[in-house]
Each structure stands twice: as structure tokens, then as C-alpha cells.
Amino acid sequence: MSMLTRIASIAAAVTLVAGLGAAVSSTEETQSAWTDVTYTAVSATAGDWQAPTTNTCQAWKQNGKPTDCTVSAITYQTWNSSGADTKRVRDYTVAFHAPSAKTIEFSVDLSTARWSGGSIEIAPWQWSGSGVGPGSQFSPAAGWTCADLPVVTGTASDWHSNTWIRIIEKSWDTVRCP
């Protein structure tokens, strides 16, 4: 490419950029002459309704008086067994901010948890058929069953501001489920 062709190409590019800049800067914001307020109403006639998924808790001090409670974090680590009978395990930590709390009741959606280490998952987690593993630090609420997973509702072990919950995919004999 000759020197003259290069200079012509650069000049054309500069002219194009300058032209686009002028076009953009010459546009003005417009506004309608009026704005009408409108209202819409709809009646639900069929379907299944579910409450929005949230992570909530209530806490009480040793003297029975309530104290503030928030779910501050939910994290998990994944562990995979190997061999013909492969099992996957997730160890969840539910962290509560509940000053001086002895007892914490909670309802958390474990599917909102953040991965914090362990084995890398190669397939989506299967909640159907999963169960609670031994050593989990909570008591299930009346009426809660493993069929409710990924939502867990229960009472943390006393004085635990971080509650550990083991979930085992596709249950086997060590799982406890109401």
C-alpha cells in the first residue's frame, strides 16, 4: 500500500468518526406534551401460587425475649464419592446474624447458596430424592419433609449462629428425613 493510499484511508476514518460524533451530539431529548396516568387490574382465576423464595429467621435470647435475626450468608461445599455407587454430598453453612440468640428458627432456600469449595460439580444437583445427612445441626419444623428441599425449615441447635446442614443427593440409608 502506497503512502498516499494510507493517508487517504486515515483521513477517511477521521472524517467518519467526526461525522458520527456530530450526528450523536446533534440529537436532542424529546418529551411528550402530556402524560396520562393509567391503571390496570387483573383477577387471578386459576393456577398454582407460591410465596416468593426468601431466607428468613426468628431468634430468641436465653430469657425468651426476641432478638433481631437475619440470614447473613448461605454457602456450601460439594463432595463426590467415586466408584459404581457414586454419591454427591453438599455441606451447607447457614450463617445468622442474631445477637445473643439462644434459639433460632429459620426457613432457607438452599438453592440460593454460594459455592465455597470442594469438588467441582459436573452436573446439576438433583433435589428430588435428596435427604438430610447425619450430623446436621438443626431440628426440622413440624410438617417439613425432605420432599420440601431445597427449602429447609427448622430450628438450629441452641447457641449456633452458624448452622451446618448436610444434604445427600439421591438418598441412601444414612439419610434422616421426616
C-alpha atoms as a PDB file:
ATOM      1  CA  MET A   1       0.000   0.000   0.000  1.00  0.00           C
ATOM      2  CA  SER A   2       1.399   3.345  -1.015  1.00  0.00           C
ATOM      3  CA  MET A   3       1.908   6.249   1.356  1.00  0.00           C
ATOM      4  CA  LEU A   4      -0.796   8.259  -0.431  1.00  0.00           C
ATOM      5  CA  THR A   5      -3.332   5.419  -0.001  1.00  0.00           C
ATOM      6  CA  ARG A   6      -2.541   5.155   3.715  1.00  0.00           C
ATOM      7  CA  ILE A   7      -3.014   8.888   4.251  1.00  0.00           C
ATOM      8  CA  ALA A   8      -6.310   8.797   2.333  1.00  0.00           C
ATOM      9  CA  SER A   9      -7.524   5.848   4.477  1.00  0.00           C
ATOM     10  CA  ILE A  10      -6.635   7.639   7.722  1.00  0.00           C
ATOM     11  CA  ALA A  11      -8.334  10.851   6.530  1.00  0.00           C
ATOM     12  CA  ALA A  12     -11.490   8.891   5.625  1.00  0.00           C
ATOM     13  CA  ALA A  13     -11.546   7.221   9.068  1.00  0.00           C
ATOM     14  CA  VAL A  14     -11.108  10.552  10.872  1.00  0.00           C
ATOM     15  CA  THR A  15     -13.905  12.106   8.780  1.00  0.00           C
ATOM     16  CA  LEU A  16     -16.220   9.157   9.568  1.00  0.00           C
ATOM     17  CA  VAL A  17     -15.568   9.368  13.325  1.00  0.00           C
ATOM     18  CA  ALA A  18     -16.036  13.145  13.317  1.00  0.00           C
ATOM     19  CA  GLY A  19     -19.273  12.786  11.362  1.00  0.00           C
ATOM     20  CA  LEU A  20     -20.649  10.205  13.807  1.00  0.00           C
ATOM     21  CA  GLY A  21     -19.703  12.433  16.739  1.00  0.00           C
ATOM     22  CA  ALA A  22     -21.519  15.382  15.198  1.00  0.00           C
ATOM     23  CA  ALA A  23     -24.598  13.256  14.497  1.00  0.00           C
ATOM     24  CA  VAL A  24     -24.727  11.967  18.070  1.00  0.00           C
ATOM     25  CA  SER A  25     -24.211  15.390  19.609  1.00  0.00           C
ATOM     26  CA  SER A  26     -26.915  16.953  17.442  1.00  0.00           C
ATOM     27  CA  THR A  27     -29.711  14.704  18.722  1.00  0.00           C
ATOM     28  CA  GLU A  28     -31.950  16.162  21.387  1.00  0.00           C
ATOM     29  CA  GLU A  29     -34.099  14.563  24.024  1.00  0.00           C
ATOM     30  CA  THR A  30     -37.819  14.919  23.359  1.00  0.00           C
ATOM     31  CA  GLN A  31     -40.729  14.954  25.729  1.00  0.00           C
ATOM     32  CA  SER A  32     -44.405  14.339  25.095  1.00  0.00           C
ATOM     33  CA  ALA A  33     -46.866  17.178  25.546  1.00  0.00           C
ATOM     34  CA  TRP A  34     -48.852  15.237  28.141  1.00  0.00           C
ATOM     35  CA  THR A  35     -48.664  12.154  30.320  1.00  0.00           C
ATOM     36  CA  ASP A  36     -51.748  10.191  31.259  1.00  0.00           C
ATOM     37  CA  VAL A  37     -51.896   8.044  34.370  1.00  0.00           C
ATOM     38  CA  THR A  38     -53.280   4.585  33.641  1.00  0.00           C
ATOM     39  CA  TYR A  39     -54.330   1.784  35.964  1.00  0.00           C
ATOM     40  CA  THR A  40     -54.632  -1.907  35.244  1.00  0.00           C
ATOM     41  CA  ALA A  41     -56.215  -4.642  37.338  1.00  0.00           C
ATOM     42  CA  VAL A  42     -56.188  -8.392  36.813  1.00  0.00           C
ATOM     43  CA  SER A  43     -58.118 -11.156  38.550  1.00  0.00           C
ATOM     44  CA  ALA A  44     -56.376 -14.478  39.064  1.00  0.00           C
ATOM     45  CA  THR A  45     -58.755 -17.253  38.069  1.00  0.00           C
ATOM     46  CA  ALA A  46     -56.569 -20.365  38.001  1.00  0.00           C
ATOM     47  CA  GLY A  47     -53.091 -21.657  38.565  1.00  0.00           C
ATOM     48  CA  ASP A  48     -50.723 -22.509  41.379  1.00  0.00           C
ATOM     49  CA  TRP A  49     -49.398 -19.701  43.533  1.00  0.00           C
ATOM     50  CA  GLN A  50     -46.304 -19.924  45.682  1.00  0.00           C
ATOM     51  CA  ALA A  51     -44.862 -17.469  48.142  1.00  0.00           C
ATOM     52  CA  PRO A  52     -41.656 -15.812  46.937  1.00  0.00           C
ATOM     53  CA  THR A  53     -38.488 -17.571  47.985  1.00  0.00           C
ATOM     54  CA  THR A  54     -36.769 -15.814  50.856  1.00  0.00           C
ATOM     55  CA  ASN A  55     -34.346 -16.709  53.590  1.00  0.00           C
ATOM     56  CA  THR A  56     -35.799 -15.761  56.964  1.00  0.00           C
ATOM     57  CA  CYS A  57     -35.209 -16.376  60.653  1.00  0.00           C
ATOM     58  CA  GLN A  58     -36.568 -15.542  64.094  1.00  0.00           C
ATOM     59  CA  ALA A  59     -34.421 -15.639  67.225  1.00  0.00           C
ATOM     60  CA  TRP A  60     -34.855 -15.603  70.994  1.00  0.00           C
ATOM     61  CA  LYS A  61     -32.398 -14.892  73.789  1.00  0.00           C
ATOM     62  CA  GLN A  62     -31.918 -17.248  76.738  1.00  0.00           C
ATOM     63  CA  ASN A  63     -34.528 -15.280  78.741  1.00  0.00           C
ATOM     64  CA  GLY A  64     -37.110 -15.900  75.972  1.00  0.00           C
ATOM     65  CA  LYS A  65     -37.122 -12.330  74.680  1.00  0.00           C
ATOM     66  CA  PRO A  66     -36.925 -11.955  70.893  1.00  0.00           C
ATOM     67  CA  THR A  67     -33.805 -10.574  69.249  1.00  0.00           C
ATOM     68  CA  ASP A  68     -33.104  -9.409  65.714  1.00  0.00           C
ATOM     69  CA  CYS A  69     -32.273 -12.104  63.196  1.00  0.00           C
ATOM     70  CA  THR A  70     -31.143 -12.114  59.585  1.00  0.00           C
ATOM     71  CA  VAL A  71     -29.708 -14.825  57.382  1.00  0.00           C
ATOM     72  CA  SER A  72     -26.348 -13.283  56.520  1.00  0.00           C
ATOM     73  CA  ALA A  73     -24.995 -15.985  54.188  1.00  0.00           C
ATOM     74  CA  ILE A  74     -25.592 -19.478  52.858  1.00  0.00           C
ATOM     75  CA  THR A  75     -22.587 -21.316  51.429  1.00  0.00           C
ATOM     76  CA  TYR A  76     -21.808 -24.916  50.537  1.00  0.00           C
ATOM     77  CA  GLN A  77     -19.014 -27.287  49.667  1.00  0.00           C
ATOM     78  CA  THR A  78     -19.520 -30.295  47.409  1.00  0.00           C
ATOM     79  CA  TRP A  79     -18.038 -33.756  47.920  1.00  0.00           C
ATOM     80  CA  ASN A  80     -18.243 -36.621  45.448  1.00  0.00           C
ATOM     81  CA  SER A  81     -17.685 -40.289  46.156  1.00  0.00           C
ATOM     82  CA  SER A  82     -16.246 -42.483  43.441  1.00  0.00           C
ATOM     83  CA  GLY A  83     -16.938 -45.935  42.125  1.00  0.00           C
ATOM     84  CA  ALA A  84     -20.064 -47.688  40.927  1.00  0.00           C
ATOM     85  CA  ASP A  85     -22.200 -46.212  43.730  1.00  0.00           C
ATOM     86  CA  THR A  86     -21.301 -42.536  43.201  1.00  0.00           C
ATOM     87  CA  LYS A  87     -22.936 -40.172  45.670  1.00  0.00           C
ATOM     88  CA  ARG A  88     -22.737 -36.416  45.927  1.00  0.00           C
ATOM     89  CA  VAL A  89     -22.864 -34.558  49.217  1.00  0.00           C
ATOM     90  CA  ARG A  90     -23.247 -30.848  49.921  1.00  0.00           C
ATOM     91  CA  ASP A  91     -22.276 -29.435  53.287  1.00  0.00           C
ATOM     92  CA  TYR A  92     -24.171 -26.166  53.786  1.00  0.00           C
ATOM     93  CA  THR A  93     -23.370 -23.468  56.309  1.00  0.00           C
ATOM     94  CA  VAL A  94     -26.228 -21.112  57.096  1.00  0.00           C
ATOM     95  CA  ALA A  95     -24.870 -18.036  58.888  1.00  0.00           C
ATOM     96  CA  PHE A  96     -27.232 -15.987  61.038  1.00  0.00           C
ATOM     97  CA  HIS A  97     -26.760 -12.519  62.468  1.00  0.00           C
ATOM     98  CA  ALA A  98     -28.721 -12.827  65.713  1.00  0.00           C
ATOM     99  CA  PRO A  99     -27.079 -11.053  68.675  1.00  0.00           C
ATOM    100  CA  SER A 100     -27.145 -13.101  71.902  1.00  0.00           C
ATOM    101  CA  ALA A 101     -29.547 -15.642  70.410  1.00  0.00           C
ATOM    102  CA  LYS A 102     -30.003 -18.998  72.071  1.00  0.00           C
ATOM    103  CA  THR A 103     -32.704 -20.322  69.750  1.00  0.00           C
ATOM    104  CA  ILE A 104     -33.072 -19.610  66.025  1.00  0.00           C
ATOM    105  CA  GLU A 105     -35.938 -20.788  63.861  1.00  0.00           C
ATOM    106  CA  PHE A 106     -35.345 -20.466  60.129  1.00  0.00           C
ATOM    107  CA  SER A 107     -36.606 -21.126  56.641  1.00  0.00           C
ATOM    108  CA  VAL A 108     -33.937 -21.042  53.938  1.00  0.00           C
ATOM    109  CA  ASP A 109     -33.792 -21.924  50.264  1.00  0.00           C
ATOM    110  CA  LEU A 110     -30.544 -23.842  49.795  1.00  0.00           C
ATOM    111  CA  SER A 111     -30.674 -23.268  46.037  1.00  0.00           C
ATOM    112  CA  THR A 112     -29.705 -19.633  46.795  1.00  0.00           C
ATOM    113  CA  ALA A 113     -26.428 -20.732  48.416  1.00  0.00           C
ATOM    114  CA  ARG A 114     -22.995 -19.761  47.109  1.00  0.00           C
ATOM    115  CA  TRP A 115     -20.403 -22.460  46.346  1.00  0.00           C
ATOM    116  CA  SER A 116     -17.359 -22.135  48.602  1.00  0.00           C
ATOM    117  CA  GLY A 117     -15.186 -25.065  47.601  1.00  0.00           C
ATOM    118  CA  GLY A 118     -14.789 -28.788  47.439  1.00  0.00           C
ATOM    119  CA  SER A 119     -15.296 -30.889  44.330  1.00  0.00           C
ATOM    120  CA  ILE A 120     -16.342 -29.149  41.143  1.00  0.00           C
ATOM    121  CA  GLU A 121     -19.854 -30.167  40.187  1.00  0.00           C
ATOM    122  CA  ILE A 122     -20.168 -31.697  36.755  1.00  0.00           C
ATOM    123  CA  ALA A 123     -23.959 -31.988  36.676  1.00  0.00           C
ATOM    124  CA  PRO A 124     -26.900 -30.048  38.101  1.00  0.00           C
ATOM    125  CA  TRP A 125     -27.925 -31.018  41.629  1.00  0.00           C
ATOM    126  CA  GLN A 126     -30.939 -33.341  41.826  1.00  0.00           C
ATOM    127  CA  TRP A 127     -33.163 -32.197  44.715  1.00  0.00           C
ATOM    128  CA  SER A 128     -35.758 -34.884  44.105  1.00  0.00           C
ATOM    129  CA  GLY A 129     -34.815 -37.857  46.261  1.00  0.00           C
ATOM    130  CA  SER A 130     -32.173 -35.914  48.222  1.00  0.00           C
ATOM    131  CA  GLY A 131     -32.135 -36.043  52.006  1.00  0.00           C
ATOM    132  CA  VAL A 132     -30.575 -34.679  55.178  1.00  0.00           C
ATOM    133  CA  GLY A 133     -27.333 -36.330  56.239  1.00  0.00           C
ATOM    134  CA  PRO A 134     -26.284 -37.336  59.746  1.00  0.00           C
ATOM    135  CA  GLY A 135     -24.752 -34.693  61.993  1.00  0.00           C
ATOM    136  CA  SER A 136     -26.830 -31.822  60.624  1.00  0.00           C
ATOM    137  CA  GLN A 137     -27.267 -29.145  63.293  1.00  0.00           C
ATOM    138  CA  PHE A 138     -30.988 -28.478  63.133  1.00  0.00           C
ATOM    139  CA  SER A 139     -34.336 -29.985  64.046  1.00  0.00           C
ATOM    140  CA  PRO A 140     -36.904 -29.989  61.245  1.00  0.00           C
ATOM    141  CA  ALA A 141     -40.053 -27.910  61.763  1.00  0.00           C
ATOM    142  CA  ALA A 142     -43.347 -29.765  62.180  1.00  0.00           C
ATOM    143  CA  GLY A 143     -44.597 -30.723  58.742  1.00  0.00           C
ATOM    144  CA  TRP A 144     -41.260 -30.275  56.965  1.00  0.00           C
ATOM    145  CA  THR A 145     -40.058 -33.240  54.897  1.00  0.00           C
ATOM    146  CA  CYS A 146     -37.177 -33.854  52.524  1.00  0.00           C
ATOM    147  CA  ALA A 147     -39.690 -33.500  49.686  1.00  0.00           C
ATOM    148  CA  ASP A 148     -39.607 -29.743  50.527  1.00  0.00           C
ATOM    149  CA  LEU A 149     -35.940 -29.485  49.521  1.00  0.00           C
ATOM    150  CA  PRO A 150     -34.260 -27.182  48.529  1.00  0.00           C
ATOM    151  CA  VAL A 151     -36.197 -25.259  51.213  1.00  0.00           C
ATOM    152  CA  VAL A 152     -35.253 -26.262  54.771  1.00  0.00           C
ATOM    153  CA  THR A 153     -37.403 -25.125  57.691  1.00  0.00           C
ATOM    154  CA  GLY A 154     -36.402 -25.862  61.253  1.00  0.00           C
ATOM    155  CA  THR A 155     -34.689 -24.829  64.463  1.00  0.00           C
ATOM    156  CA  ALA A 156     -30.915 -24.508  64.684  1.00  0.00           C
ATOM    157  CA  SER A 157     -29.166 -26.283  67.532  1.00  0.00           C
ATOM    158  CA  ASP A 158     -29.035 -23.967  70.572  1.00  0.00           C
ATOM    159  CA  TRP A 159     -26.293 -21.330  70.554  1.00  0.00           C
ATOM    160  CA  HIS A 160     -25.373 -21.978  66.889  1.00  0.00           C
ATOM    161  CA  SER A 161     -25.088 -18.777  64.875  1.00  0.00           C
ATOM    162  CA  ASN A 162     -23.685 -20.876  62.020  1.00  0.00           C
ATOM    163  CA  THR A 163     -25.751 -23.977  61.327  1.00  0.00           C
ATOM    164  CA  TRP A 164     -24.297 -26.884  59.381  1.00  0.00           C
ATOM    165  CA  ILE A 165     -26.645 -28.933  57.177  1.00  0.00           C
ATOM    166  CA  ARG A 166     -25.535 -31.938  55.133  1.00  0.00           C
ATOM    167  CA  ILE A 167     -27.634 -32.769  52.090  1.00  0.00           C
ATOM    168  CA  ILE A 168     -27.062 -36.040  50.275  1.00  0.00           C
ATOM    169  CA  GLU A 169     -28.191 -36.371  46.689  1.00  0.00           C
ATOM    170  CA  LYS A 170     -30.384 -39.342  45.886  1.00  0.00           C
ATOM    171  CA  SER A 171     -30.724 -40.608  49.428  1.00  0.00           C
ATOM    172  CA  TRP A 172     -29.187 -43.717  50.837  1.00  0.00           C
ATOM    173  CA  ASP A 173     -29.547 -45.414  54.224  1.00  0.00           C
ATOM    174  CA  THR A 174     -27.708 -42.770  56.330  1.00  0.00           C
ATOM    175  CA  VAL A 175     -30.228 -40.045  55.449  1.00  0.00           C
ATOM    176  CA  ARG A 176     -32.743 -38.843  58.018  1.00  0.00           C
ATOM    177  CA  CYS A 177     -35.968 -37.424  56.680  1.00  0.00           C
ATOM    178  CA  PRO A 178     -39.244 -36.818  58.419  1.00  0.00           C
END
